[in-house]
Amino acid sequence: SIPLIINGLKKPKSSQFVEIAVKIIHASGKDYSRQIFEIIQNNQITPYAVSLLCMLLGFYENKKSEKILWDYYHYFNEHFHNETYSDGPLLGLIEMRERKREELSKNQNITMG
């Protein structure tokens, strides 16, 4: 179940677990952003795990996400510039931007139509 997966993310045993967990949580269609914030902020997990969780945050409507993703994007760029960890937060930010763009487009179509 998702609560067990969320609990497992607090001390993941492998990067493969994190990858599968992110896919399952995303496929559930439910908003687990609050739990993901808690995992990122209160647990010592690998930069790779944080990167994947940041990407997942981009799929949720949560006002806190944008700042956290932006901060981690810059942190990973500065401290891990030879790695691709910054890709997770960047993909999350792109997802948020695309969703806003779609909403604006829908709203414009409604007012024009």
C-alpha atoms as a PDB file:
ATOM      1  CA  SER A   1       0.000   0.000   0.000  1.00  0.00           C
ATOM      2  CA  ILE A   2       1.062   3.616  -0.506  1.00  0.00           C
ATOM      3  CA  PRO A   3       1.548   4.358   3.233  1.00  0.00           C
ATOM      4  CA  LEU A   4       4.054   1.478   3.408  1.00  0.00           C
ATOM      5  CA  ILE A   5       5.852   2.794   0.336  1.00  0.00           C
ATOM      6  CA  ILE A   6       5.937   6.319   1.788  1.00  0.00           C
ATOM      7  CA  ASN A   7       7.359   4.888   5.010  1.00  0.00           C
ATOM      8  CA  GLY A   8       9.976   2.953   3.028  1.00  0.00           C
ATOM      9  CA  LEU A   9      11.101   6.162   1.324  1.00  0.00           C
ATOM     10  CA  LYS A  10      12.237   7.546   4.675  1.00  0.00           C
ATOM     11  CA  LYS A  11      15.150   5.065   4.638  1.00  0.00           C
ATOM     12  CA  PRO A  12      15.286   3.594   1.153  1.00  0.00           C
ATOM     13  CA  LYS A  13      17.546   0.584   0.750  1.00  0.00           C
ATOM     14  CA  SER A  14      18.216   1.162  -2.955  1.00  0.00           C
ATOM     15  CA  SER A  15      17.768   3.646  -5.760  1.00  0.00           C
ATOM     16  CA  GLN A  16      15.636   1.056  -7.565  1.00  0.00           C
ATOM     17  CA  PHE A  17      13.153   1.126  -4.681  1.00  0.00           C
ATOM     18  CA  VAL A  18      12.923   4.918  -4.947  1.00  0.00           C
ATOM     19  CA  GLU A  19      12.359   4.729  -8.723  1.00  0.00           C
ATOM     20  CA  ILE A  20       9.567   2.157  -8.380  1.00  0.00           C
ATOM     21  CA  ALA A  21       8.042   3.987  -5.402  1.00  0.00           C
ATOM     22  CA  VAL A  22       7.889   7.269  -7.357  1.00  0.00           C
ATOM     23  CA  LYS A  23       6.168   5.481 -10.275  1.00  0.00           C
ATOM     24  CA  ILE A  24       3.594   3.847  -7.979  1.00  0.00           C
ATOM     25  CA  ILE A  25       2.860   7.050  -6.069  1.00  0.00           C
ATOM     26  CA  HIS A  26       2.468   8.992  -9.315  1.00  0.00           C
ATOM     27  CA  ALA A  27       0.215   6.308 -10.822  1.00  0.00           C
ATOM     28  CA  SER A  28      -2.063   6.450  -7.758  1.00  0.00           C
ATOM     29  CA  GLY A  29      -3.247   9.892  -8.871  1.00  0.00           C
ATOM     30  CA  LYS A  30      -3.489  11.062  -5.255  1.00  0.00           C
ATOM     31  CA  ASP A  31      -1.695  14.054  -3.750  1.00  0.00           C
ATOM     32  CA  TYR A  32       1.061  12.897  -1.420  1.00  0.00           C
ATOM     33  CA  SER A  33       2.974  16.178  -1.525  1.00  0.00           C
ATOM     34  CA  ARG A  34       2.713  16.733   2.237  1.00  0.00           C
ATOM     35  CA  GLN A  35       4.293  13.336   2.926  1.00  0.00           C
ATOM     36  CA  ILE A  36       6.969  13.928   0.277  1.00  0.00           C
ATOM     37  CA  PHE A  37       7.881  17.298   1.850  1.00  0.00           C
ATOM     38  CA  GLU A  38       8.253  15.532   5.190  1.00  0.00           C
ATOM     39  CA  ILE A  39      10.502  12.835   3.706  1.00  0.00           C
ATOM     40  CA  ILE A  40      12.748  15.380   1.979  1.00  0.00           C
ATOM     41  CA  GLN A  41      13.007  17.701   4.965  1.00  0.00           C
ATOM     42  CA  ASN A  42      13.198  15.242   7.875  1.00  0.00           C
ATOM     43  CA  ASN A  43      15.195  12.282   6.576  1.00  0.00           C
ATOM     44  CA  GLN A  44      18.731  11.771   5.392  1.00  0.00           C
ATOM     45  CA  ILE A  45      18.247  10.325   1.939  1.00  0.00           C
ATOM     46  CA  THR A  46      20.517  10.315  -1.084  1.00  0.00           C
ATOM     47  CA  PRO A  47      20.640  13.260  -3.481  1.00  0.00           C
ATOM     48  CA  TYR A  48      19.283  10.909  -6.168  1.00  0.00           C
ATOM     49  CA  ALA A  49      16.244  10.083  -4.023  1.00  0.00           C
ATOM     50  CA  VAL A  50      15.647  13.787  -3.314  1.00  0.00           C
ATOM     51  CA  SER A  51      15.931  14.518  -7.028  1.00  0.00           C
ATOM     52  CA  LEU A  52      13.284  11.919  -7.921  1.00  0.00           C
ATOM     53  CA  LEU A  53      10.970  13.099  -5.149  1.00  0.00           C
ATOM     54  CA  CYS A  54      11.372  16.688  -6.350  1.00  0.00           C
ATOM     55  CA  MET A  55      10.313  15.597  -9.829  1.00  0.00           C
ATOM     56  CA  LEU A  56       7.226  13.953  -8.310  1.00  0.00           C
ATOM     57  CA  LEU A  57       6.369  17.153  -6.395  1.00  0.00           C
ATOM     58  CA  GLY A  58       6.001  18.944  -9.717  1.00  0.00           C
ATOM     59  CA  PHE A  59       2.860  16.919 -10.458  1.00  0.00           C
ATOM     60  CA  TYR A  60       0.997  18.226  -7.401  1.00  0.00           C
ATOM     61  CA  GLU A  61      -0.864  21.464  -6.845  1.00  0.00           C
ATOM     62  CA  ASN A  62       1.002  22.626  -3.777  1.00  0.00           C
ATOM     63  CA  LYS A  63       2.154  26.218  -3.341  1.00  0.00           C
ATOM     64  CA  LYS A  64       5.231  25.153  -1.329  1.00  0.00           C
ATOM     65  CA  SER A  65       6.529  22.980  -4.177  1.00  0.00           C
ATOM     66  CA  GLU A  66       7.802  25.750  -6.411  1.00  0.00           C
ATOM     67  CA  LYS A  67      10.193  27.213  -3.835  1.00  0.00           C
ATOM     68  CA  ILE A  68      11.474  23.817  -2.705  1.00  0.00           C
ATOM     69  CA  LEU A  69      12.057  22.702  -6.300  1.00  0.00           C
ATOM     70  CA  TRP A  70      13.803  25.972  -7.145  1.00  0.00           C
ATOM     71  CA  ASP A  71      16.005  25.750  -4.030  1.00  0.00           C
ATOM     72  CA  TYR A  72      16.992  22.138  -4.705  1.00  0.00           C
ATOM     73  CA  TYR A  73      17.652  22.874  -8.363  1.00  0.00           C
ATOM     74  CA  HIS A  74      20.191  25.532  -7.367  1.00  0.00           C
ATOM     75  CA  TYR A  75      21.614  23.462  -4.511  1.00  0.00           C
ATOM     76  CA  PHE A  76      22.245  20.454  -6.772  1.00  0.00           C
ATOM     77  CA  ASN A  77      23.734  22.657  -9.496  1.00  0.00           C
ATOM     78  CA  GLU A  78      26.105  24.235  -7.006  1.00  0.00           C
ATOM     79  CA  HIS A  79      27.136  21.167  -4.997  1.00  0.00           C
ATOM     80  CA  PHE A  80      26.795  18.351  -7.553  1.00  0.00           C
ATOM     81  CA  HIS A  81      27.550  20.103 -10.841  1.00  0.00           C
ATOM     82  CA  ASN A  82      29.046  16.922 -12.340  1.00  0.00           C
ATOM     83  CA  GLU A  83      25.868  14.919 -11.621  1.00  0.00           C
ATOM     84  CA  THR A  84      22.332  15.104 -13.003  1.00  0.00           C
ATOM     85  CA  TYR A  85      20.562  15.510  -9.647  1.00  0.00           C
ATOM     86  CA  SER A  86      19.313  18.975 -10.641  1.00  0.00           C
ATOM     87  CA  ASP A  87      17.260  17.351 -13.432  1.00  0.00           C
ATOM     88  CA  GLY A  88      14.590  16.132 -10.968  1.00  0.00           C
ATOM     89  CA  PRO A  89      13.726  19.566  -9.567  1.00  0.00           C
ATOM     90  CA  LEU A  90      13.989  21.061 -13.070  1.00  0.00           C
ATOM     91  CA  LEU A  91      11.545  18.516 -14.505  1.00  0.00           C
ATOM     92  CA  GLY A  92       9.198  19.220 -11.585  1.00  0.00           C
ATOM     93  CA  LEU A  93       9.336  22.969 -12.304  1.00  0.00           C
ATOM     94  CA  ILE A  94       8.718  22.350 -16.022  1.00  0.00           C
ATOM     95  CA  GLU A  95       5.677  20.200 -15.189  1.00  0.00           C
ATOM     96  CA  MET A  96       4.294  22.963 -12.959  1.00  0.00           C
ATOM     97  CA  ARG A  97       4.837  25.572 -15.686  1.00  0.00           C
ATOM     98  CA  GLU A  98       3.155  23.423 -18.336  1.00  0.00           C
ATOM     99  CA  ARG A  99       0.144  22.857 -16.082  1.00  0.00           C
ATOM    100  CA  LYS A 100      -0.170  26.626 -15.497  1.00  0.00           C
ATOM    101  CA  ARG A 101       0.135  27.238 -19.229  1.00  0.00           C
ATOM    102  CA  GLU A 102      -2.648  24.706 -19.923  1.00  0.00           C
ATOM    103  CA  GLU A 103      -4.879  26.344 -17.308  1.00  0.00           C
ATOM    104  CA  LEU A 104      -4.313  29.784 -18.855  1.00  0.00           C
ATOM    105  CA  SER A 105      -5.102  28.409 -22.292  1.00  0.00           C
ATOM    106  CA  LYS A 106      -8.343  26.813 -21.035  1.00  0.00           C
ATOM    107  CA  ASN A 107      -9.366  30.032 -19.275  1.00  0.00           C
ATOM    108  CA  GLN A 108      -8.710  32.069 -22.427  1.00  0.00           C
ATOM    109  CA  ASN A 109     -10.791  29.658 -24.493  1.00  0.00           C
ATOM    110  CA  ILE A 110     -13.647  29.927 -22.023  1.00  0.00           C
ATOM    111  CA  THR A 111     -13.657  33.741 -22.016  1.00  0.00           C
ATOM    112  CA  MET A 112     -13.298  33.969 -25.811  1.00  0.00           C
ATOM    113  CA  GLY A 113     -15.805  31.245 -26.632  1.00  0.00           C
END
